[in-house]
């Protein structure tokens, strides 16, 4: 009986389903490398950062991750690659990384490190530019 209990405890992380990224996520906040550089300069930061944010798109930015490893975004949020239909993409989520895949070759074209992931929030940063961070809140 003890042996079954020990085996169950050891195997439970592998048998229990992990949290799923599937659903609709709204972009709440994002930081860019330019903002970080401007913050290091004194005096100019408030004026330039304020001007950049006022020019940004005020529409709600939503990305929907689906069960079949496809995703759709209403504006360019994570997929910066230009293609004929840039609003749909393939993805792979490992829990620690989010990879955007090329549709034809299924190779990784963009990668994000998952800083925080819970049932209602997701924080990712670009692996090539760690100063680019995006904060999402689950809406569905």
N, C-alpha and C. Protein backbone atom coordinates (compact mmCIF):
# COMPACT_ATOMS: atom_id res chain seq x y z
N UNK A 1 0.82 -1.19 0.00
CA UNK A 1 0.00 0.00 0.00
C UNK A 1 0.86 1.26 0.00
N UNK A 2 1.95 1.23 0.78
CA UNK A 2 2.86 2.37 0.82
C UNK A 2 3.51 2.59 -0.55
N UNK A 3 3.81 1.48 -1.20
CA UNK A 3 4.45 1.56 -2.51
C UNK A 3 3.54 2.26 -3.52
N UNK A 4 2.26 1.93 -3.53
CA UNK A 4 1.31 2.59 -4.43
C UNK A 4 1.19 4.07 -4.14
N UNK A 5 1.19 4.42 -2.87
CA UNK A 5 1.10 5.83 -2.48
C UNK A 5 2.32 6.60 -2.97
N UNK A 6 3.50 6.05 -2.78
CA UNK A 6 4.75 6.70 -3.20
C UNK A 6 4.78 6.85 -4.72
N UNK A 7 4.38 5.82 -5.43
CA UNK A 7 4.35 5.89 -6.90
C UNK A 7 3.35 6.95 -7.35
N UNK A 8 2.20 7.01 -6.70
CA UNK A 8 1.20 8.03 -7.04
C UNK A 8 1.70 9.43 -6.81
N UNK A 9 2.41 9.65 -5.71
CA UNK A 9 2.97 10.98 -5.42
C UNK A 9 4.03 11.36 -6.44
N UNK A 10 4.85 10.40 -6.82
CA UNK A 10 5.92 10.66 -7.78
C UNK A 10 5.35 10.96 -9.17
N UNK A 11 4.33 10.24 -9.59
CA UNK A 11 3.79 10.40 -10.94
C UNK A 11 2.72 11.48 -11.05
N UNK A 12 2.20 11.99 -9.95
CA UNK A 12 1.09 12.94 -10.01
C UNK A 12 1.40 14.22 -10.81
N UNK A 13 2.60 14.80 -10.73
CA UNK A 13 2.85 15.98 -11.57
C UNK A 13 2.77 15.69 -13.06
N UNK A 14 3.05 14.44 -13.44
CA UNK A 14 3.02 14.08 -14.86
C UNK A 14 1.61 13.71 -15.33
N UNK A 15 0.78 13.27 -14.42
CA UNK A 15 -0.56 12.84 -14.79
C UNK A 15 -1.60 13.94 -14.68
N UNK A 16 -1.37 14.91 -13.80
CA UNK A 16 -2.33 16.00 -13.63
C UNK A 16 -2.19 16.99 -14.77
N UNK A 17 -3.29 17.51 -15.27
CA UNK A 17 -3.18 18.46 -16.37
C UNK A 17 -2.58 19.78 -15.88
N UNK A 18 -1.69 20.35 -16.68
CA UNK A 18 -1.08 21.63 -16.35
C UNK A 18 -2.04 22.76 -16.69
N UNK A 19 -1.74 23.93 -16.16
CA UNK A 19 -2.58 25.08 -16.50
C UNK A 19 -2.52 25.30 -17.99
N UNK A 20 -3.62 25.73 -18.53
CA UNK A 20 -3.72 25.90 -19.97
C UNK A 20 -3.73 27.38 -20.33
N UNK A 21 -3.06 27.70 -21.41
CA UNK A 21 -3.04 29.07 -21.92
C UNK A 21 -4.24 29.33 -22.82
N UNK A 22 -5.01 28.29 -23.10
CA UNK A 22 -6.16 28.41 -24.01
C UNK A 22 -7.17 29.41 -23.45
N UNK A 23 -7.61 30.31 -24.32
CA UNK A 23 -8.59 31.33 -23.95
C UNK A 23 -8.22 32.67 -24.54
N UNK A 24 -9.00 33.69 -24.18
CA UNK A 24 -8.75 35.05 -24.67
C UNK A 24 -7.99 35.83 -23.62
N UNK A 25 -6.93 36.50 -24.07
CA UNK A 25 -6.07 37.27 -23.19
C UNK A 25 -6.00 38.71 -23.71
N UNK A 26 -6.20 39.66 -22.83
CA UNK A 26 -6.15 41.07 -23.20
C UNK A 26 -4.83 41.67 -22.73
N UNK A 27 -4.17 42.39 -23.64
CA UNK A 27 -2.93 43.07 -23.31
C UNK A 27 -3.25 44.26 -22.43
N UNK A 28 -2.69 44.28 -21.24
CA UNK A 28 -2.95 45.37 -20.30
C UNK A 28 -1.83 46.40 -20.31
N UNK A 29 -0.60 45.93 -20.41
CA UNK A 29 0.54 46.83 -20.35
C UNK A 29 1.70 46.20 -21.08
N UNK A 30 2.50 47.04 -21.73
CA UNK A 30 3.71 46.54 -22.35
C UNK A 30 4.80 47.58 -22.20
N UNK A 31 6.00 47.12 -22.05
CA UNK A 31 7.15 48.02 -21.99
C UNK A 31 8.08 47.67 -23.14
N UNK A 32 8.74 48.68 -23.64
CA UNK A 32 9.65 48.49 -24.76
C UNK A 32 11.06 48.89 -24.36
N UNK A 33 12.01 48.52 -25.17
CA UNK A 33 13.41 48.86 -24.91
C UNK A 33 13.62 50.37 -25.01
N UNK A 34 12.88 51.02 -25.89
CA UNK A 34 13.02 52.46 -26.06
C UNK A 34 12.61 53.18 -24.78
N UNK A 35 11.53 52.76 -24.16
CA UNK A 35 11.08 53.38 -22.92
C UNK A 35 12.14 53.24 -21.84
N UNK A 36 12.76 52.07 -21.75
CA UNK A 36 13.80 51.85 -20.75
C UNK A 36 14.99 52.78 -20.97
N UNK A 37 15.37 52.97 -22.25
CA UNK A 37 16.49 53.86 -22.55
C UNK A 37 16.13 55.32 -22.25
N UNK A 38 14.90 55.71 -22.55
CA UNK A 38 14.48 57.08 -22.28
C UNK A 38 14.41 57.36 -20.79
N UNK A 39 14.04 56.35 -20.00
CA UNK A 39 13.98 56.53 -18.56
C UNK A 39 15.35 56.77 -17.97
N UNK A 40 16.40 56.26 -18.64
CA UNK A 40 17.75 56.46 -18.13
C UNK A 40 18.22 57.89 -18.38
N UNK A 41 17.70 58.54 -19.42
CA UNK A 41 18.01 59.95 -19.66
C UNK A 41 17.15 60.80 -18.75
N UNK A 42 17.71 61.85 -18.20
CA UNK A 42 16.93 62.69 -17.27
C UNK A 42 16.25 63.82 -18.02
N UNK A 43 15.10 64.21 -17.56
CA UNK A 43 14.38 65.35 -18.11
C UNK A 43 13.55 65.05 -19.34
N UNK A 44 14.07 64.30 -20.26
CA UNK A 44 13.41 64.05 -21.53
C UNK A 44 12.35 62.96 -21.38
N UNK A 45 12.53 62.09 -20.39
CA UNK A 45 11.71 60.88 -20.29
C UNK A 45 10.22 61.13 -20.24
N UNK A 46 9.76 62.01 -19.39
CA UNK A 46 8.32 62.20 -19.21
C UNK A 46 7.65 62.71 -20.48
N UNK A 47 8.29 63.64 -21.13
CA UNK A 47 7.70 64.23 -22.33
C UNK A 47 7.65 63.23 -23.48
N UNK A 48 8.76 62.55 -23.76
CA UNK A 48 8.81 61.61 -24.88
C UNK A 48 7.97 60.36 -24.63
N UNK A 49 8.07 59.80 -23.43
CA UNK A 49 7.29 58.60 -23.12
C UNK A 49 5.80 58.92 -23.17
N UNK A 50 5.40 60.06 -22.64
CA UNK A 50 4.01 60.48 -22.69
C UNK A 50 3.53 60.66 -24.13
N UNK A 51 4.38 61.25 -24.97
CA UNK A 51 4.03 61.45 -26.38
C UNK A 51 3.90 60.10 -27.10
N UNK A 52 4.81 59.16 -26.81
CA UNK A 52 4.74 57.84 -27.45
C UNK A 52 3.48 57.10 -27.04
N UNK A 53 3.14 57.16 -25.77
CA UNK A 53 1.95 56.45 -25.29
C UNK A 53 0.66 57.07 -25.82
N UNK A 54 0.65 58.38 -26.02
CA UNK A 54 -0.55 59.02 -26.55
C UNK A 54 -0.78 58.66 -28.01
N UNK A 55 0.27 58.32 -28.73
CA UNK A 55 0.15 57.93 -30.13
C UNK A 55 -0.15 56.45 -30.32
N UNK A 56 -0.07 55.69 -29.26
CA UNK A 56 -0.31 54.25 -29.39
C UNK A 56 -1.78 53.98 -29.62
N UNK A 57 -2.06 52.80 -30.14
CA UNK A 57 -3.41 52.38 -30.46
C UNK A 57 -4.23 52.23 -29.18
N UNK A 58 -5.41 52.84 -29.15
CA UNK A 58 -6.24 52.78 -27.95
C UNK A 58 -7.26 51.64 -28.01
N UNK A 59 -7.28 50.90 -29.10
CA UNK A 59 -8.20 49.75 -29.20
C UNK A 59 -7.76 48.65 -28.23
N UNK A 60 -8.73 47.87 -27.79
CA UNK A 60 -8.44 46.73 -26.93
C UNK A 60 -7.67 45.70 -27.74
N UNK A 61 -6.51 45.30 -27.24
CA UNK A 61 -5.69 44.32 -27.93
C UNK A 61 -5.90 42.96 -27.27
N UNK A 62 -6.41 42.02 -28.07
CA UNK A 62 -6.76 40.70 -27.56
C UNK A 62 -6.09 39.63 -28.41
N UNK A 63 -5.59 38.60 -27.74
CA UNK A 63 -5.06 37.43 -28.44
C UNK A 63 -5.80 36.22 -27.89
N UNK A 64 -6.22 35.33 -28.80
CA UNK A 64 -6.94 34.13 -28.39
C UNK A 64 -6.10 32.90 -28.74
N UNK A 65 -5.76 32.13 -27.71
CA UNK A 65 -5.04 30.88 -27.90
C UNK A 65 -6.07 29.75 -27.94
N UNK A 66 -5.98 28.91 -28.97
CA UNK A 66 -6.95 27.83 -29.14
C UNK A 66 -6.32 26.48 -28.82
N UNK A 67 -7.18 25.45 -28.64
CA UNK A 67 -6.73 24.10 -28.29
C UNK A 67 -5.82 23.48 -29.35
N UNK A 68 -6.02 23.82 -30.60
CA UNK A 68 -5.27 23.17 -31.68
C UNK A 68 -3.94 23.87 -31.98
N UNK A 69 -3.39 24.60 -31.00
CA UNK A 69 -2.11 25.31 -31.10
C UNK A 69 -2.11 26.41 -32.16
N UNK A 70 -3.27 26.98 -32.41
CA UNK A 70 -3.36 28.16 -33.24
C UNK A 70 -3.78 29.33 -32.35
N UNK A 71 -3.47 30.52 -32.82
CA UNK A 71 -3.84 31.71 -32.07
C UNK A 71 -4.24 32.79 -33.06
N UNK A 72 -5.10 33.68 -32.60
CA UNK A 72 -5.51 34.83 -33.41
C UNK A 72 -5.38 36.07 -32.56
N UNK A 73 -4.86 37.12 -33.18
CA UNK A 73 -4.76 38.41 -32.50
C UNK A 73 -5.45 39.47 -33.33
N UNK A 74 -6.13 40.42 -32.64
CA UNK A 74 -6.86 41.43 -33.40
C UNK A 74 -5.93 42.53 -33.91
N UNK A 75 -4.80 42.73 -33.29
CA UNK A 75 -3.73 43.61 -33.78
C UNK A 75 -2.42 42.90 -33.52
N UNK A 76 -1.35 43.39 -34.09
CA UNK A 76 -0.05 42.74 -33.87
C UNK A 76 0.36 42.93 -32.41
N UNK A 77 0.36 41.84 -31.67
CA UNK A 77 0.74 41.88 -30.26
C UNK A 77 2.05 41.12 -30.06
N UNK A 78 2.05 39.85 -30.42
CA UNK A 78 3.25 39.03 -30.24
C UNK A 78 3.88 38.63 -31.56
N UNK A 79 3.11 38.54 -32.61
CA UNK A 79 3.64 38.09 -33.89
C UNK A 79 4.09 39.31 -34.69
N UNK A 80 5.39 39.58 -34.68
CA UNK A 80 5.89 40.74 -35.40
C UNK A 80 6.27 40.41 -36.84
N UNK A 81 6.16 39.15 -37.21
CA UNK A 81 6.52 38.74 -38.56
C UNK A 81 5.44 39.17 -39.55
N UNK A 82 5.87 39.71 -40.66
CA UNK A 82 4.92 40.17 -41.66
C UNK A 82 4.55 39.00 -42.57
N UNK A 83 3.27 38.75 -42.68
CA UNK A 83 2.80 37.71 -43.59
C UNK A 83 1.46 38.16 -44.15
N UNK A 84 0.94 37.42 -45.06
CA UNK A 84 -0.31 37.83 -45.70
C UNK A 84 -1.47 37.82 -44.71
N UNK A 85 -1.44 36.97 -43.72
CA UNK A 85 -2.50 36.93 -42.71
C UNK A 85 -1.84 36.93 -41.34
N UNK A 86 -1.37 38.10 -40.94
CA UNK A 86 -0.55 38.19 -39.73
C UNK A 86 -1.36 38.06 -38.45
N UNK A 87 -2.67 37.99 -38.56
CA UNK A 87 -3.48 37.91 -37.35
C UNK A 87 -3.67 36.48 -36.85
N UNK A 88 -3.33 35.49 -37.64
CA UNK A 88 -3.42 34.12 -37.17
C UNK A 88 -2.02 33.51 -37.18
N UNK A 89 -1.77 32.61 -36.24
CA UNK A 89 -0.43 32.04 -36.12
C UNK A 89 -0.49 30.70 -35.40
N UNK A 90 0.61 30.01 -35.42
CA UNK A 90 0.78 28.78 -34.66
C UNK A 90 1.63 29.09 -33.44
N UNK A 91 1.38 28.37 -32.34
CA UNK A 91 2.17 28.59 -31.15
C UNK A 91 2.46 27.27 -30.45
N UNK A 92 3.46 27.31 -29.58
CA UNK A 92 3.77 26.18 -28.70
C UNK A 92 4.03 26.77 -27.32
N UNK A 93 3.29 26.27 -26.34
CA UNK A 93 3.40 26.75 -24.97
C UNK A 93 3.93 25.63 -24.10
N UNK A 94 5.06 25.87 -23.42
CA UNK A 94 5.66 24.84 -22.58
C UNK A 94 5.47 25.10 -21.09
N UNK A 95 4.92 26.25 -20.74
CA UNK A 95 4.80 26.63 -19.33
C UNK A 95 5.88 27.61 -18.94
N UNK A 96 7.08 27.44 -19.48
CA UNK A 96 8.17 28.38 -19.22
C UNK A 96 8.49 29.23 -20.44
N UNK A 97 8.04 28.78 -21.61
CA UNK A 97 8.28 29.51 -22.86
C UNK A 97 7.03 29.50 -23.73
N UNK A 98 6.90 30.56 -24.51
CA UNK A 98 5.86 30.65 -25.53
C UNK A 98 6.58 30.88 -26.84
N UNK A 99 6.40 29.96 -27.78
CA UNK A 99 7.07 30.05 -29.08
C UNK A 99 6.03 30.31 -30.16
N UNK A 100 6.32 31.26 -31.04
CA UNK A 100 5.49 31.51 -32.22
C UNK A 100 6.16 30.77 -33.37
N UNK A 101 5.37 29.96 -34.09
CA UNK A 101 5.91 29.09 -35.11
C UNK A 101 5.53 29.56 -36.51
N UNK A 102 6.41 29.27 -37.46
CA UNK A 102 6.12 29.51 -38.86
C UNK A 102 5.06 28.51 -39.31
N UNK A 103 4.09 28.96 -40.06
CA UNK A 103 2.97 28.09 -40.45
C UNK A 103 3.40 26.94 -41.37
N UNK A 104 4.31 27.21 -42.29
CA UNK A 104 4.69 26.17 -43.24
C UNK A 104 5.72 25.20 -42.66
N UNK A 105 6.81 25.73 -42.15
CA UNK A 105 7.89 24.85 -41.68
C UNK A 105 7.74 24.46 -40.21
N UNK A 106 6.87 25.16 -39.49
CA UNK A 106 6.66 24.93 -38.06
C UNK A 106 7.93 25.10 -37.23
N UNK A 107 8.81 25.98 -37.70
CA UNK A 107 10.01 26.31 -36.93
C UNK A 107 9.72 27.56 -36.10
N UNK A 108 10.48 27.74 -35.05
CA UNK A 108 10.28 28.88 -34.14
C UNK A 108 10.76 30.15 -34.82
N UNK A 109 9.86 31.14 -34.89
CA UNK A 109 10.23 32.43 -35.47
C UNK A 109 10.35 33.52 -34.40
N UNK A 110 9.73 33.29 -33.25
CA UNK A 110 9.82 34.25 -32.16
C UNK A 110 9.58 33.51 -30.85
N UNK A 111 10.34 33.86 -29.81
CA UNK A 111 10.22 33.19 -28.52
C UNK A 111 10.05 34.20 -27.40
N UNK A 112 9.26 33.80 -26.41
CA UNK A 112 9.03 34.61 -25.23
C UNK A 112 9.26 33.76 -23.99
N UNK A 113 9.88 34.34 -22.98
CA UNK A 113 10.02 33.69 -21.69
C UNK A 113 8.80 34.02 -20.85
N UNK A 114 8.25 33.03 -20.19
CA UNK A 114 7.09 33.26 -19.33
C UNK A 114 7.60 33.66 -17.95
N UNK A 115 7.38 34.91 -17.59
CA UNK A 115 7.83 35.43 -16.29
C UNK A 115 6.86 35.01 -15.20
N UNK A 116 5.57 35.09 -15.51
CA UNK A 116 4.54 34.70 -14.55
C UNK A 116 3.35 34.16 -15.32
N UNK A 117 2.76 33.07 -14.81
CA UNK A 117 1.59 32.49 -15.44
C UNK A 117 0.67 31.95 -14.36
N UNK A 118 -0.57 32.44 -14.37
CA UNK A 118 -1.58 31.94 -13.44
C UNK A 118 -2.88 31.80 -14.22
N UNK A 119 -3.94 31.44 -13.54
CA UNK A 119 -5.23 31.24 -14.19
C UNK A 119 -5.75 32.52 -14.83
N UNK A 120 -5.35 33.69 -14.32
CA UNK A 120 -5.90 34.94 -14.84
C UNK A 120 -4.86 35.96 -15.29
N UNK A 121 -3.57 35.65 -15.24
CA UNK A 121 -2.57 36.60 -15.70
C UNK A 121 -1.40 35.89 -16.38
N UNK A 122 -0.79 36.60 -17.32
CA UNK A 122 0.33 36.08 -18.08
C UNK A 122 1.29 37.23 -18.33
N UNK A 123 2.54 37.05 -17.93
CA UNK A 123 3.58 38.05 -18.18
C UNK A 123 4.68 37.36 -18.96
N UNK A 124 4.97 37.92 -20.16
CA UNK A 124 6.00 37.34 -21.02
C UNK A 124 7.00 38.42 -21.39
N UNK A 125 8.23 37.98 -21.66
CA UNK A 125 9.25 38.90 -22.17
C UNK A 125 9.94 38.25 -23.36
N UNK A 126 10.29 39.06 -24.32
CA UNK A 126 10.93 38.58 -25.53
C UNK A 126 12.31 38.04 -25.18
N UNK A 127 12.65 36.85 -25.65
CA UNK A 127 13.94 36.25 -25.30
C UNK A 127 15.11 36.98 -25.97
N UNK A 128 14.88 37.60 -27.11
CA UNK A 128 15.94 38.34 -27.79
C UNK A 128 16.12 39.74 -27.20
N UNK A 129 15.04 40.33 -26.72
CA UNK A 129 15.07 41.67 -26.12
C UNK A 129 14.34 41.60 -24.79
N UNK A 130 15.06 41.29 -23.74
CA UNK A 130 14.45 41.07 -22.42
C UNK A 130 13.74 42.32 -21.90
N UNK A 131 14.07 43.48 -22.43
CA UNK A 131 13.42 44.71 -21.98
C UNK A 131 12.00 44.86 -22.54
N UNK A 132 11.61 44.01 -23.48
CA UNK A 132 10.24 44.02 -24.00
C UNK A 132 9.39 43.05 -23.20
N UNK A 133 8.48 43.61 -22.41
CA UNK A 133 7.63 42.81 -21.55
C UNK A 133 6.18 43.10 -21.87
N UNK A 134 5.34 42.07 -21.84
CA UNK A 134 3.91 42.21 -22.09
C UNK A 134 3.15 41.56 -20.95
N UNK A 135 2.14 42.28 -20.45
CA UNK A 135 1.30 41.78 -19.36
C UNK A 135 -0.10 41.59 -19.88
N UNK A 136 -0.61 40.36 -19.75
CA UNK A 136 -1.95 40.00 -20.22
C UNK A 136 -2.82 39.59 -19.04
N UNK A 137 -4.13 39.82 -19.21
CA UNK A 137 -5.14 39.37 -18.25
C UNK A 137 -6.14 38.52 -19.02
N UNK A 138 -6.51 37.39 -18.47
CA UNK A 138 -7.45 36.48 -19.14
C UNK A 138 -8.85 37.05 -19.06
N UNK A 139 -9.53 37.10 -20.21
CA UNK A 139 -10.90 37.64 -20.23
C UNK A 139 -11.93 36.56 -20.48
N UNK A 140 -11.56 35.40 -21.01
CA UNK A 140 -12.48 34.29 -21.22
C UNK A 140 -11.75 33.00 -21.04
